[in-house]
C-alpha atoms as a PDB file:
ATOM      1  CA  MET A   1      30.850   0.364 103.333  1.00  0.00           C
ATOM      2  CA  MET A   2      27.625  -1.693 103.613  1.00  0.00           C
ATOM      3  CA  GLU A   3      25.730   1.965 105.604  1.00  0.00           C
ATOM      4  CA  THR A   4      26.498   3.538 102.095  1.00  0.00           C
ATOM      5  CA  PHE A   5      24.755   0.925 100.127  1.00  0.00           C
ATOM      6  CA  ILE A   6      21.499   0.562 102.383  1.00  0.00           C
ATOM      7  CA  LEU A   7      21.124   4.567 102.285  1.00  0.00           C
ATOM      8  CA  CYS A   8      21.658   4.772  98.211  1.00  0.00           C
ATOM      9  CA  MET A   9      18.823   1.848  98.205  1.00  0.00           C
ATOM     10  CA  LEU A  10      16.661   3.541 100.715  1.00  0.00           C
ATOM     11  CA  ILE A  11      17.207   6.551  98.656  1.00  0.00           C
ATOM     12  CA  ILE A  12      16.146   4.993  95.388  1.00  0.00           C
ATOM     13  CA  ALA A  13      13.040   3.296  96.683  1.00  0.00           C
ATOM     14  CA  ILE A  14      11.818   6.596  98.197  1.00  0.00           C
ATOM     15  CA  ALA A  15      12.270   8.267  94.486  1.00  0.00           C
ATOM     16  CA  VAL A  16      10.888   5.209  92.796  1.00  0.00           C
ATOM     17  CA  ALA A  17       7.690   5.568  95.731  1.00  0.00           C
ATOM     18  CA  LEU A  18       7.240   9.416  94.836  1.00  0.00           C
ATOM     19  CA  LEU A  19       7.634   8.889  91.511  1.00  0.00           C
ATOM     20  CA  CYS A  20       4.652   6.666  91.057  1.00  0.00           C
ATOM     21  CA  VAL A  21       2.438   8.604  93.380  1.00  0.00           C
ATOM     22  CA  LYS A  22      -0.068   8.921  90.886  1.00  0.00           C
ATOM     23  CA  VAL A  23       0.238   5.686  89.515  1.00  0.00           C
ATOM     24  CA  ILE A  24      -0.543   3.812  92.834  1.00  0.00           C
ATOM     25  CA  LEU A  25      -3.329   6.205  94.436  1.00  0.00           C
ATOM     26  CA  LEU A  26      -5.772   6.961  91.546  1.00  0.00           C
ATOM     27  CA  LYS A  27      -7.719   4.019  90.161  1.00  0.00           C
ATOM     28  CA  ASP A  28      -6.871   4.571  86.671  1.00  0.00           C
ATOM     29  CA  GLY A  29      -3.607   6.192  87.523  1.00  0.00           C
ATOM     30  CA  THR A  30      -0.905   6.184  84.204  1.00  0.00           C
ATOM     31  CA  PHE A  31       2.250   7.958  83.806  1.00  0.00           C
ATOM     32  CA  SER A  32       1.730  10.696  81.012  1.00  0.00           C
ATOM     33  CA  SER A  33       3.367  10.729  78.219  1.00  0.00           C
ATOM     34  CA  GLN A  34       7.045  12.341  77.346  1.00  0.00           C
ATOM     35  CA  HIS A  35       6.761  13.121  73.861  1.00  0.00           C
ATOM     36  CA  VAL A  36       6.746  16.176  72.289  1.00  0.00           C
ATOM     37  CA  LYS A  37       4.042  15.744  70.131  1.00  0.00           C
ATOM     38  CA  ASP A  38       1.269  15.017  73.206  1.00  0.00           C
ATOM     39  CA  ASN A  39       2.821  18.078  75.418  1.00  0.00           C
ATOM     40  CA  PRO A  40       0.160  21.140  75.307  1.00  0.00           C
ATOM     41  CA  GLY A  41       2.142  23.908  75.639  1.00  0.00           C
ATOM     42  CA  LEU A  42       4.928  22.996  73.562  1.00  0.00           C
ATOM     43  CA  ARG A  43       2.229  22.079  70.706  1.00  0.00           C
ATOM     44  CA  LYS A  44       0.790  25.844  71.412  1.00  0.00           C
ATOM     45  CA  ARG A  45       4.597  27.537  70.882  1.00  0.00           C
ATOM     46  CA  ARG A  46       4.452  25.260  67.646  1.00  0.00           C
ATOM     47  CA  ILE A  47       7.553  23.166  68.807  1.00  0.00           C
ATOM     48  CA  HIS A  48       7.649  19.407  67.324  1.00  0.00           C
ATOM     49  CA  CYS A  49       9.534  16.732  67.230  1.00  0.00           C
ATOM     50  CA  VAL A  50      13.260  17.175  65.944  1.00  0.00           C
ATOM     51  CA  MET A  51      11.879  14.445  63.452  1.00  0.00           C
ATOM     52  CA  GLU A  52       9.076  16.494  62.217  1.00  0.00           C
ATOM     53  CA  GLN A  53      11.124  19.656  62.210  1.00  0.00           C
ATOM     54  CA  ASP A  54      13.641  17.838  59.890  1.00  0.00           C
ATOM     55  CA  ALA A  55      11.170  16.697  57.534  1.00  0.00           C
ATOM     56  CA  GLU A  56       9.560  20.164  57.335  1.00  0.00           C
ATOM     57  CA  ALA A  57      12.865  21.453  57.045  1.00  0.00           C
ATOM     58  CA  ARG A  58      13.852  18.924  54.065  1.00  0.00           C
ATOM     59  CA  SER A  59      10.834  19.302  51.893  1.00  0.00           C
ATOM     60  CA  ALA A  60      10.995  23.159  52.259  1.00  0.00           C
ATOM     61  CA  TYR A  61      14.373  22.929  50.792  1.00  0.00           C
ATOM     62  CA  ALA A  62      13.271  20.496  48.305  1.00  0.00           C
ATOM     63  CA  ARG A  63      10.943  23.053  47.004  1.00  0.00           C
ATOM     64  CA  ARG A  64      12.952  25.276  47.033  1.00  0.00           C
ATOM     65  CA  VAL A  65      16.000  23.928  44.631  1.00  0.00           C
ATOM     66  CA  ASP A  66      13.541  22.486  42.591  1.00  0.00           C
ATOM     67  CA  LYS A  67      11.775  26.479  42.312  1.00  0.00           C
ATOM     68  CA  ASP A  68      15.707  27.130  41.680  1.00  0.00           C
ATOM     69  CA  LYS A  69      16.280  24.533  39.088  1.00  0.00           C
ATOM     70  CA  LYS A  70      12.840  25.717  36.880  1.00  0.00           C
ATOM     71  CA  ASN A  71      14.105  29.519  36.757  1.00  0.00           C
END
């Protein structure tokens, strides 16, 4: 039981160390943003945050409803 616990802790420590390589080794190292709006590849494909997509869909629907009411 104790060997399993120590092995798990060792694996977790190695994983954390590997995740922090950029932060530890570079002078001004930081974690890169994981947000959709900060990813250039997604911006190039015009993929937005779900909140932005929802707002776009609601405004398009509202314009369509307003247009239908006028006719």
